[in-house]
């Protein structure tokens, strides 16, 4: 697993509730705005897509690249964040 950022640690430390997509590791203001423009306003919306893709790393990373032009590191950071959150709460 890559070095975990403070953003990653903060996200996985508590239930998701109504968190914005911009709270996800790897997703900042620009990518977050692109996700929101495509209907993914809350982190739980991205979680839904993550689960629909059966938590598959490559499928999820490809989806992030297609929907908001996330780079490899950004999509990998987001995947790891979602994966750890699921391991803790599902």
PDB file of N, CA and C in Angstrom:
ATOM      1  N   UNK A   1       0.858  -1.177   0.000  1.00  0.00           N
ATOM      2  CA  UNK A   1       0.000   0.000   0.000  1.00  0.00           C
ATOM      3  C   UNK A   1       0.901   1.236   0.000  1.00  0.00           C
ATOM      4  N   UNK A   2       0.539   2.249  -0.749  1.00  0.00           N
ATOM      5  CA  UNK A   2       1.370   3.453  -0.812  1.00  0.00           C
ATOM      6  C   UNK A   2       1.386   4.177   0.534  1.00  0.00           C
ATOM      7  N   UNK A   3       2.277   5.156   0.660  1.00  0.00           N
ATOM      8  CA  UNK A   3       2.277   5.979   1.867  1.00  0.00           C
ATOM      9  C   UNK A   3       0.912   6.624   2.009  1.00  0.00           C
ATOM     10  N   UNK A   4       0.334   6.487   3.185  1.00  0.00           N
ATOM     11  CA  UNK A   4      -1.007   6.998   3.399  1.00  0.00           C
ATOM     12  C   UNK A   4      -0.950   8.471   3.786  1.00  0.00           C
ATOM     13  N   UNK A   5      -1.734   9.259   3.093  1.00  0.00           N
ATOM     14  CA  UNK A   5      -1.800  10.682   3.381  1.00  0.00           C
ATOM     15  C   UNK A   5      -2.696  10.930   4.589  1.00  0.00           C
ATOM     16  N   UNK A   6      -2.603  12.116   5.138  1.00  0.00           N
ATOM     17  CA  UNK A   6      -3.488  12.481   6.242  1.00  0.00           C
ATOM     18  C   UNK A   6      -4.941  12.467   5.775  1.00  0.00           C
ATOM     19  N   UNK A   7      -5.169  12.852   4.529  1.00  0.00           N
ATOM     20  CA  UNK A   7      -6.522  12.848   3.969  1.00  0.00           C
ATOM     21  C   UNK A   7      -7.085  11.428   3.963  1.00  0.00           C
ATOM     22  N   UNK A   8      -6.258  10.467   3.566  1.00  0.00           N
ATOM     23  CA  UNK A   8      -6.657   9.052   3.567  1.00  0.00           C
ATOM     24  C   UNK A   8      -6.990   8.612   4.991  1.00  0.00           C
ATOM     25  N   UNK A   9      -6.108   8.891   5.914  1.00  0.00           N
ATOM     26  CA  UNK A   9      -6.306   8.485   7.307  1.00  0.00           C
ATOM     27  C   UNK A   9      -7.581   9.095   7.876  1.00  0.00           C
ATOM     28  N   UNK A  10      -7.808  10.356   7.590  1.00  0.00           N
ATOM     29  CA  UNK A  10      -9.022  11.022   8.078  1.00  0.00           C
ATOM     30  C   UNK A  10     -10.271  10.366   7.505  1.00  0.00           C
ATOM     31  N   UNK A  11     -10.244  10.048   6.217  1.00  0.00           N
ATOM     32  CA  UNK A  11     -11.426   9.492   5.578  1.00  0.00           C
ATOM     33  C   UNK A  11     -11.785   8.130   6.153  1.00  0.00           C
ATOM     34  N   UNK A  12     -10.798   7.271   6.314  1.00  0.00           N
ATOM     35  CA  UNK A  12     -11.097   5.898   6.755  1.00  0.00           C
ATOM     36  C   UNK A  12     -11.285   5.783   8.258  1.00  0.00           C
ATOM     37  N   UNK A  13     -11.068   6.874   8.992  1.00  0.00           N
ATOM     38  CA  UNK A  13     -11.159   6.819  10.450  1.00  0.00           C
ATOM     39  C   UNK A  13     -12.586   6.907  10.982  1.00  0.00           C
ATOM     40  N   UNK A  14     -13.559   7.155  10.098  1.00  0.00           N
ATOM     41  CA  UNK A  14     -14.934   7.326  10.575  1.00  0.00           C
ATOM     42  C   UNK A  14     -15.925   6.940   9.480  1.00  0.00           C
ATOM     43  N   UNK A  15     -17.190   6.721   9.866  1.00  0.00           N
ATOM     44  CA  UNK A  15     -18.208   6.408   8.854  1.00  0.00           C
ATOM     45  C   UNK A  15     -18.305   7.505   7.798  1.00  0.00           C
ATOM     46  N   UNK A  16     -18.784   7.130   6.623  1.00  0.00           N
ATOM     47  CA  UNK A  16     -18.812   8.029   5.470  1.00  0.00           C
ATOM     48  C   UNK A  16     -19.837   9.146   5.603  1.00  0.00           C
ATOM     49  N   UNK A  17     -21.007   8.820   6.082  1.00  0.00           N
ATOM     50  CA  UNK A  17     -22.113   9.764   6.222  1.00  0.00           C
ATOM     51  C   UNK A  17     -22.312  10.591   4.955  1.00  0.00           C
ATOM     52  N   UNK A  18     -22.218  11.905   5.055  1.00  0.00           N
ATOM     53  CA  UNK A  18     -22.497  12.817   3.940  1.00  0.00           C
ATOM     54  C   UNK A  18     -21.237  13.464   3.370  1.00  0.00           C
ATOM     55  N   UNK A  19     -20.107  12.790   3.476  1.00  0.00           N
ATOM     56  CA  UNK A  19     -18.845  13.379   3.027  1.00  0.00           C
ATOM     57  C   UNK A  19     -18.869  13.666   1.525  1.00  0.00           C
ATOM     58  N   UNK A  20     -18.284  14.777   1.180  1.00  0.00           N
ATOM     59  CA  UNK A  20     -18.126  15.169  -0.217  1.00  0.00           C
ATOM     60  C   UNK A  20     -17.112  14.256  -0.902  1.00  0.00           C
ATOM     61  N   UNK A  21     -17.207  14.128  -2.213  1.00  0.00           N
ATOM     62  CA  UNK A  21     -16.212  13.358  -2.964  1.00  0.00           C
ATOM     63  C   UNK A  21     -14.829  13.972  -2.807  1.00  0.00           C
ATOM     64  N   UNK A  22     -14.767  15.251  -2.508  1.00  0.00           N
ATOM     65  CA  UNK A  22     -13.481  15.934  -2.362  1.00  0.00           C
ATOM     66  C   UNK A  22     -12.739  15.510  -1.095  1.00  0.00           C
ATOM     67  N   UNK A  23     -13.389  14.755  -0.228  1.00  0.00           N
ATOM     68  CA  UNK A  23     -12.756  14.231   0.988  1.00  0.00           C
ATOM     69  C   UNK A  23     -12.022  12.915   0.717  1.00  0.00           C
ATOM     70  N   UNK A  24     -12.251  12.309  -0.451  1.00  0.00           N
ATOM     71  CA  UNK A  24     -11.583  11.058  -0.798  1.00  0.00           C
ATOM     72  C   UNK A  24     -10.108  11.296  -1.095  1.00  0.00           C
ATOM     73  N   UNK A  25      -9.268  10.387  -0.643  1.00  0.00           N
ATOM     74  CA  UNK A  25      -7.845  10.474  -0.972  1.00  0.00           C
ATOM     75  C   UNK A  25      -7.692  10.430  -2.486  1.00  0.00           C
ATOM     76  N   UNK A  26      -6.815  11.264  -3.010  1.00  0.00           N
ATOM     77  CA  UNK A  26      -6.574  11.317  -4.450  1.00  0.00           C
ATOM     78  C   UNK A  26      -7.512  12.228  -5.216  1.00  0.00           C
ATOM     79  N   UNK A  27      -8.566  12.689  -4.559  1.00  0.00           N
ATOM     80  CA  UNK A  27      -9.561  13.536  -5.220  1.00  0.00           C
ATOM     81  C   UNK A  27      -9.509  14.927  -4.598  1.00  0.00           C
ATOM     82  N   UNK A  28      -9.085  15.885  -5.373  1.00  0.00           N
ATOM     83  CA  UNK A  28      -9.031  17.268  -4.905  1.00  0.00           C
ATOM     84  C   UNK A  28     -10.180  18.072  -5.476  1.00  0.00           C
ATOM     85  N   UNK A  29     -10.014  19.371  -5.511  1.00  0.00           N
ATOM     86  CA  UNK A  29     -11.086  20.251  -5.988  1.00  0.00           C
ATOM     87  C   UNK A  29     -11.407  20.063  -7.463  1.00  0.00           C
ATOM     88  N   UNK A  30     -10.389  19.908  -8.300  1.00  0.00           N
ATOM     89  CA  UNK A  30     -10.625  19.781  -9.747  1.00  0.00           C
ATOM     90  C   UNK A  30     -11.310  18.456 -10.073  1.00  0.00           C
ATOM     91  N   UNK A  31     -10.730  17.349  -9.621  1.00  0.00           N
ATOM     92  CA  UNK A  31     -11.342  16.048  -9.900  1.00  0.00           C
ATOM     93  C   UNK A  31     -12.692  15.928  -9.204  1.00  0.00           C
ATOM     94  N   UNK A  32     -12.791  16.486  -7.991  1.00  0.00           N
ATOM     95  CA  UNK A  32     -14.060  16.458  -7.272  1.00  0.00           C
ATOM     96  C   UNK A  32     -15.154  17.188  -8.040  1.00  0.00           C
ATOM     97  N   UNK A  33     -14.813  18.329  -8.615  1.00  0.00           N
ATOM     98  CA  UNK A  33     -15.799  19.085  -9.404  1.00  0.00           C
ATOM     99  C   UNK A  33     -16.220  18.289 -10.638  1.00  0.00           C
ATOM    100  N   UNK A  34     -15.269  17.604 -11.264  1.00  0.00           N
ATOM    101  CA  UNK A  34     -15.615  16.780 -12.431  1.00  0.00           C
ATOM    102  C   UNK A  34     -16.529  15.624 -12.037  1.00  0.00           C
ATOM    103  N   UNK A  35     -16.252  15.001 -10.900  1.00  0.00           N
ATOM    104  CA  UNK A  35     -17.133  13.929 -10.425  1.00  0.00           C
ATOM    105  C   UNK A  35     -18.527  14.480 -10.142  1.00  0.00           C
ATOM    106  N   UNK A  36     -18.585  15.629  -9.471  1.00  0.00           N
ATOM    107  CA  UNK A  36     -19.879  16.249  -9.171  1.00  0.00           C
ATOM    108  C   UNK A  36     -20.642  16.582 -10.450  1.00  0.00           C
ATOM    109  N   UNK A  37     -19.945  17.075 -11.458  1.00  0.00           N
ATOM    110  CA  UNK A  37     -20.579  17.389 -12.740  1.00  0.00           C
ATOM    111  C   UNK A  37     -21.166  16.151 -13.401  1.00  0.00           C
ATOM    112  N   UNK A  38     -20.622  14.985 -13.053  1.00  0.00           N
ATOM    113  CA  UNK A  38     -21.110  13.721 -13.607  1.00  0.00           C
ATOM    114  C   UNK A  38     -22.062  12.996 -12.661  1.00  0.00           C
ATOM    115  N   UNK A  39     -22.544  13.705 -11.632  1.00  0.00           N
ATOM    116  CA  UNK A  39     -23.563  13.153 -10.747  1.00  0.00           C
ATOM    117  C   UNK A  39     -23.045  12.445  -9.510  1.00  0.00           C
ATOM    118  N   UNK A  40     -21.751  12.453  -9.275  1.00  0.00           N
ATOM    119  CA  UNK A  40     -21.162  11.803  -8.110  1.00  0.00           C
ATOM    120  C   UNK A  40     -20.785  12.883  -7.099  1.00  0.00           C
ATOM    121  N   UNK A  41     -21.785  13.321  -6.327  1.00  0.00           N
ATOM    122  CA  UNK A  41     -21.598  14.459  -5.435  1.00  0.00           C
ATOM    123  C   UNK A  41     -21.067  14.061  -4.059  1.00  0.00           C
ATOM    124  N   UNK A  42     -21.412  12.891  -3.599  1.00  0.00           N
ATOM    125  CA  UNK A  42     -21.016  12.418  -2.272  1.00  0.00           C
ATOM    126  C   UNK A  42     -20.080  11.225  -2.407  1.00  0.00           C
ATOM    127  N   UNK A  43     -19.267  11.036  -1.381  1.00  0.00           N
ATOM    128  CA  UNK A  43     -18.348   9.892  -1.375  1.00  0.00           C
ATOM    129  C   UNK A  43     -19.130   8.580  -1.483  1.00  0.00           C
ATOM    130  N   UNK A  44     -20.339   8.550  -0.918  1.00  0.00           N
ATOM    131  CA  UNK A  44     -21.139   7.316  -0.988  1.00  0.00           C
ATOM    132  C   UNK A  44     -21.533   6.992  -2.434  1.00  0.00           C
ATOM    133  N   UNK A  45     -21.629   8.004  -3.292  1.00  0.00           N
ATOM    134  CA  UNK A  45     -21.914   7.760  -4.708  1.00  0.00           C
ATOM    135  C   UNK A  45     -20.739   7.038  -5.362  1.00  0.00           C
ATOM    136  N   UNK A  46     -19.532   7.447  -5.008  1.00  0.00           N
ATOM    137  CA  UNK A  46     -18.327   6.785  -5.529  1.00  0.00           C
ATOM    138  C   UNK A  46     -18.228   5.386  -4.936  1.00  0.00           C
ATOM    139  N   UNK A  47     -18.591   5.237  -3.666  1.00  0.00           N
ATOM    140  CA  UNK A  47     -18.612   3.914  -3.042  1.00  0.00           C
ATOM    141  C   UNK A  47     -19.543   2.982  -3.812  1.00  0.00           C
ATOM    142  N   UNK A  48     -20.694   3.476  -4.212  1.00  0.00           N
ATOM    143  CA  UNK A  48     -21.629   2.658  -4.985  1.00  0.00           C
ATOM    144  C   UNK A  48     -21.002   2.156  -6.272  1.00  0.00           C
ATOM    145  N   UNK A  49     -20.304   3.016  -6.961  1.00  0.00           N
ATOM    146  CA  UNK A  49     -19.630   2.616  -8.199  1.00  0.00           C
ATOM    147  C   UNK A  49     -18.523   1.612  -7.896  1.00  0.00           C
ATOM    148  N   UNK A  50     -17.793   1.847  -6.824  1.00  0.00           N
ATOM    149  CA  UNK A  50     -16.725   0.941  -6.390  1.00  0.00           C
ATOM    150  C   UNK A  50     -17.287  -0.468  -6.159  1.00  0.00           C
ATOM    151  N   UNK A  51     -18.435  -0.532  -5.509  1.00  0.00           N
ATOM    152  CA  UNK A  51     -19.061  -1.827  -5.241  1.00  0.00           C
ATOM    153  C   UNK A  51     -19.626  -2.448  -6.512  1.00  0.00           C
ATOM    154  N   UNK A  52     -20.211  -1.635  -7.390  1.00  0.00           N
ATOM    155  CA  UNK A  52     -20.715  -2.151  -8.670  1.00  0.00           C
ATOM    156  C   UNK A  52     -19.596  -2.768  -9.507  1.00  0.00           C
ATOM    157  N   UNK A  53     -18.406  -2.213  -9.374  1.00  0.00           N
ATOM    158  CA  UNK A  53     -17.247  -2.723 -10.112  1.00  0.00           C
ATOM    159  C   UNK A  53     -16.558  -3.857  -9.349  1.00  0.00           C
ATOM    160  N   UNK A  54     -17.258  -4.367  -8.333  1.00  0.00           N
ATOM    161  CA  UNK A  54     -16.798  -5.506  -7.538  1.00  0.00           C
ATOM    162  C   UNK A  54     -15.448  -5.262  -6.868  1.00  0.00           C
ATOM    163  N   UNK A  55     -15.187  -4.008  -6.533  1.00  0.00           N
ATOM    164  CA  UNK A  55     -13.983  -3.588  -5.831  1.00  0.00           C
ATOM    165  C   UNK A  55     -12.703  -3.960  -6.590  1.00  0.00           C
ATOM    166  N   UNK A  56     -12.825  -4.077  -7.892  1.00  0.00           N
ATOM    167  CA  UNK A  56     -11.689  -4.429  -8.741  1.00  0.00           C
ATOM    168  C   UNK A  56     -10.821  -3.195  -8.997  1.00  0.00           C
ATOM    169  N   UNK A  57      -9.564  -3.298  -8.660  1.00  0.00           N
ATOM    170  CA  UNK A  57      -8.636  -2.162  -8.752  1.00  0.00           C
ATOM    171  C   UNK A  57      -8.593  -1.564 -10.152  1.00  0.00           C
ATOM    172  N   UNK A  58      -8.320  -2.374 -11.153  1.00  0.00           N
ATOM    173  CA  UNK A  58      -8.155  -1.840 -12.515  1.00  0.00           C
ATOM    174  C   UNK A  58      -9.459  -1.265 -13.065  1.00  0.00           C
ATOM    175  N   UNK A  59     -10.567  -1.941 -12.816  1.00  0.00           N
ATOM    176  CA  UNK A  59     -11.860  -1.428 -13.292  1.00  0.00           C
ATOM    177  C   UNK A  59     -12.185  -0.086 -12.656  1.00  0.00           C
ATOM    178  N   UNK A  60     -11.935   0.027 -11.352  1.00  0.00           N
ATOM    179  CA  UNK A  60     -12.228   1.275 -10.647  1.00  0.00           C
ATOM    180  C   UNK A  60     -11.317   2.398 -11.126  1.00  0.00           C
ATOM    181  N   UNK A  61     -10.043   2.104 -11.260  1.00  0.00           N
ATOM    182  CA  UNK A  61      -9.094   3.115 -11.727  1.00  0.00           C
ATOM    183  C   UNK A  61      -9.430   3.559 -13.148  1.00  0.00           C
ATOM    184  N   UNK A  62      -9.799   2.623 -14.013  1.00  0.00           N
ATOM    185  CA  UNK A  62     -10.211   2.978 -15.380  1.00  0.00           C
ATOM    186  C   UNK A  62     -11.455   3.853 -15.365  1.00  0.00           C
ATOM    187  N   UNK A  63     -12.410   3.513 -14.521  1.00  0.00           N
ATOM    188  CA  UNK A  63     -13.634   4.311 -14.408  1.00  0.00           C
ATOM    189  C   UNK A  63     -13.298   5.742 -13.974  1.00  0.00           C
ATOM    190  N   UNK A  64     -12.435   5.887 -12.945  1.00  0.00           N
ATOM    191  CA  UNK A  64     -12.057   7.234 -12.496  1.00  0.00           C
ATOM    192  C   UNK A  64     -11.364   8.010 -13.605  1.00  0.00           C
ATOM    193  N   UNK A  65     -10.527   7.337 -14.359  1.00  0.00           N
ATOM    194  CA  UNK A  65      -9.848   8.012 -15.466  1.00  0.00           C
ATOM    195  C   UNK A  65     -10.868   8.487 -16.505  1.00  0.00           C
ATOM    196  N   UNK A  66     -11.828   7.646 -16.823  1.00  0.00           N
ATOM    197  CA  UNK A  66     -12.822   7.993 -17.835  1.00  0.00           C
ATOM    198  C   UNK A  66     -13.770   9.096 -17.367  1.00  0.00           C
ATOM    199  N   UNK A  67     -14.180   9.041 -16.109  1.00  0.00           N
ATOM    200  CA  UNK A  67     -15.213   9.970 -15.648  1.00  0.00           C
ATOM    201  C   UNK A  67     -14.656  11.337 -15.254  1.00  0.00           C
ATOM    202  N   UNK A  68     -13.410  11.370 -14.730  1.00  0.00           N
ATOM    203  CA  UNK A  68     -12.900  12.675 -14.276  1.00  0.00           C
ATOM    204  C   UNK A  68     -11.435  12.901 -14.644  1.00  0.00           C
ATOM    205  N   UNK A  69     -10.889  12.039 -15.501  1.00  0.00           N
ATOM    206  CA  UNK A  69      -9.504  12.174 -15.984  1.00  0.00           C
ATOM    207  C   UNK A  69      -8.469  12.071 -14.860  1.00  0.00           C
ATOM    208  N   UNK A  70      -8.760  11.228 -13.871  1.00  0.00           N
ATOM    209  CA  UNK A  70      -7.813  11.001 -12.779  1.00  0.00           C
ATOM    210  C   UNK A  70      -6.561  10.324 -13.310  1.00  0.00           C
ATOM    211  N   UNK A  71      -5.414  10.746 -12.819  1.00  0.00           N
ATOM    212  CA  UNK A  71      -4.159  10.113 -13.176  1.00  0.00           C
ATOM    213  C   UNK A  71      -3.972   8.809 -12.418  1.00  0.00           C
ATOM    214  N   UNK A  72      -2.887   8.106 -12.710  1.00  0.00           N
ATOM    215  CA  UNK A  72      -2.637   6.808 -12.093  1.00  0.00           C
ATOM    216  C   UNK A  72      -2.509   6.916 -10.574  1.00  0.00           C
ATOM    217  N   UNK A  73      -1.725   7.866 -10.085  1.00  0.00           N
ATOM    218  CA  UNK A  73      -1.547   7.998  -8.636  1.00  0.00           C
ATOM    219  C   UNK A  73      -2.840   8.422  -7.960  1.00  0.00           C
ATOM    220  N   UNK A  74      -3.549   9.359  -8.559  1.00  0.00           N
ATOM    221  CA  UNK A  74      -4.811   9.821  -7.972  1.00  0.00           C
ATOM    222  C   UNK A  74      -5.816   8.683  -7.875  1.00  0.00           C
ATOM    223  N   UNK A  75      -5.948   7.922  -8.954  1.00  0.00           N
ATOM    224  CA  UNK A  75      -6.919   6.831  -8.946  1.00  0.00           C
ATOM    225  C   UNK A  75      -6.481   5.717  -8.005  1.00  0.00           C
ATOM    226  N   UNK A  76      -5.175   5.468  -7.901  1.00  0.00           N
ATOM    227  CA  UNK A  76      -4.685   4.442  -6.982  1.00  0.00           C
ATOM    228  C   UNK A  76      -4.919   4.871  -5.532  1.00  0.00           C
ATOM    229  N   UNK A  77      -4.674   6.146  -5.227  1.00  0.00           N
ATOM    230  CA  UNK A  77      -4.928   6.654  -3.874  1.00  0.00           C
ATOM    231  C   UNK A  77      -6.403   6.528  -3.519  1.00  0.00           C
ATOM    232  N   UNK A  78      -7.271   6.846  -4.456  1.00  0.00           N
ATOM    233  CA  UNK A  78      -8.711   6.750  -4.214  1.00  0.00           C
ATOM    234  C   UNK A  78      -9.123   5.294  -4.033  1.00  0.00           C
ATOM    235  N   UNK A  79      -8.590   4.405  -4.868  1.00  0.00           N
ATOM    236  CA  UNK A  79      -8.891   2.983  -4.731  1.00  0.00           C
ATOM    237  C   UNK A  79      -8.499   2.486  -3.339  1.00  0.00           C
ATOM    238  N   UNK A  80      -7.284   2.799  -2.908  1.00  0.00           N
ATOM    239  CA  UNK A  80      -6.804   2.333  -1.605  1.00  0.00           C
ATOM    240  C   UNK A  80      -7.666   2.875  -0.469  1.00  0.00           C
ATOM    241  N   UNK A  81      -8.115   4.105  -0.610  1.00  0.00           N
ATOM    242  CA  UNK A  81      -8.991   4.728   0.375  1.00  0.00           C
ATOM    243  C   UNK A  81     -10.331   3.981   0.448  1.00  0.00           C
ATOM    244  N   UNK A  82     -10.928   3.732  -0.697  1.00  0.00           N
ATOM    245  CA  UNK A  82     -12.197   3.000  -0.745  1.00  0.00           C
ATOM    246  C   UNK A  82     -12.030   1.577  -0.207  1.00  0.00           C
ATOM    247  N   UNK A  83     -10.956   0.917  -0.605  1.00  0.00           N
ATOM    248  CA  UNK A  83     -10.688  -0.454  -0.185  1.00  0.00           C
ATOM    249  C   UNK A  83     -10.566  -0.543   1.335  1.00  0.00           C
ATOM    250  N   UNK A  84      -9.769   0.350   1.925  1.00  0.00           N
ATOM    251  CA  UNK A  84      -9.587   0.312   3.371  1.00  0.00           C
ATOM    252  C   UNK A  84     -10.876   0.673   4.105  1.00  0.00           C
ATOM    253  N   UNK A  85     -11.622   1.645   3.572  1.00  0.00           N
ATOM    254  CA  UNK A  85     -12.892   2.008   4.208  1.00  0.00           C
ATOM    255  C   UNK A  85     -13.839   0.809   4.208  1.00  0.00           C
ATOM    256  N   UNK A  86     -13.926   0.116   3.072  1.00  0.00           N
ATOM    257  CA  UNK A  86     -14.790  -1.070   2.981  1.00  0.00           C
ATOM    258  C   UNK A  86     -14.346  -2.168   3.943  1.00  0.00           C
ATOM    259  N   UNK A  87     -13.048  -2.382   4.022  1.00  0.00           N
ATOM    260  CA  UNK A  87     -12.528  -3.395   4.937  1.00  0.00           C
ATOM    261  C   UNK A  87     -12.882  -3.073   6.388  1.00  0.00           C
ATOM    262  N   UNK A  88     -12.970  -1.806   6.718  1.00  0.00           N
ATOM    263  CA  UNK A  88     -13.270  -1.389   8.082  1.00  0.00           C
ATOM    264  C   UNK A  88     -14.756  -1.354   8.406  1.00  0.00           C
ATOM    265  N   UNK A  89     -15.590  -1.022   7.411  1.00  0.00           N
ATOM    266  CA  UNK A  89     -16.997  -0.749   7.709  1.00  0.00           C
ATOM    267  C   UNK A  89     -18.012  -1.676   7.054  1.00  0.00           C
ATOM    268  N   UNK A  90     -17.612  -2.484   6.093  1.00  0.00           N
ATOM    269  CA  UNK A  90     -18.584  -3.385   5.450  1.00  0.00           C
ATOM    270  C   UNK A  90     -18.338  -4.815   5.856  1.00  0.00           C
TER     271      UNK A  90
END
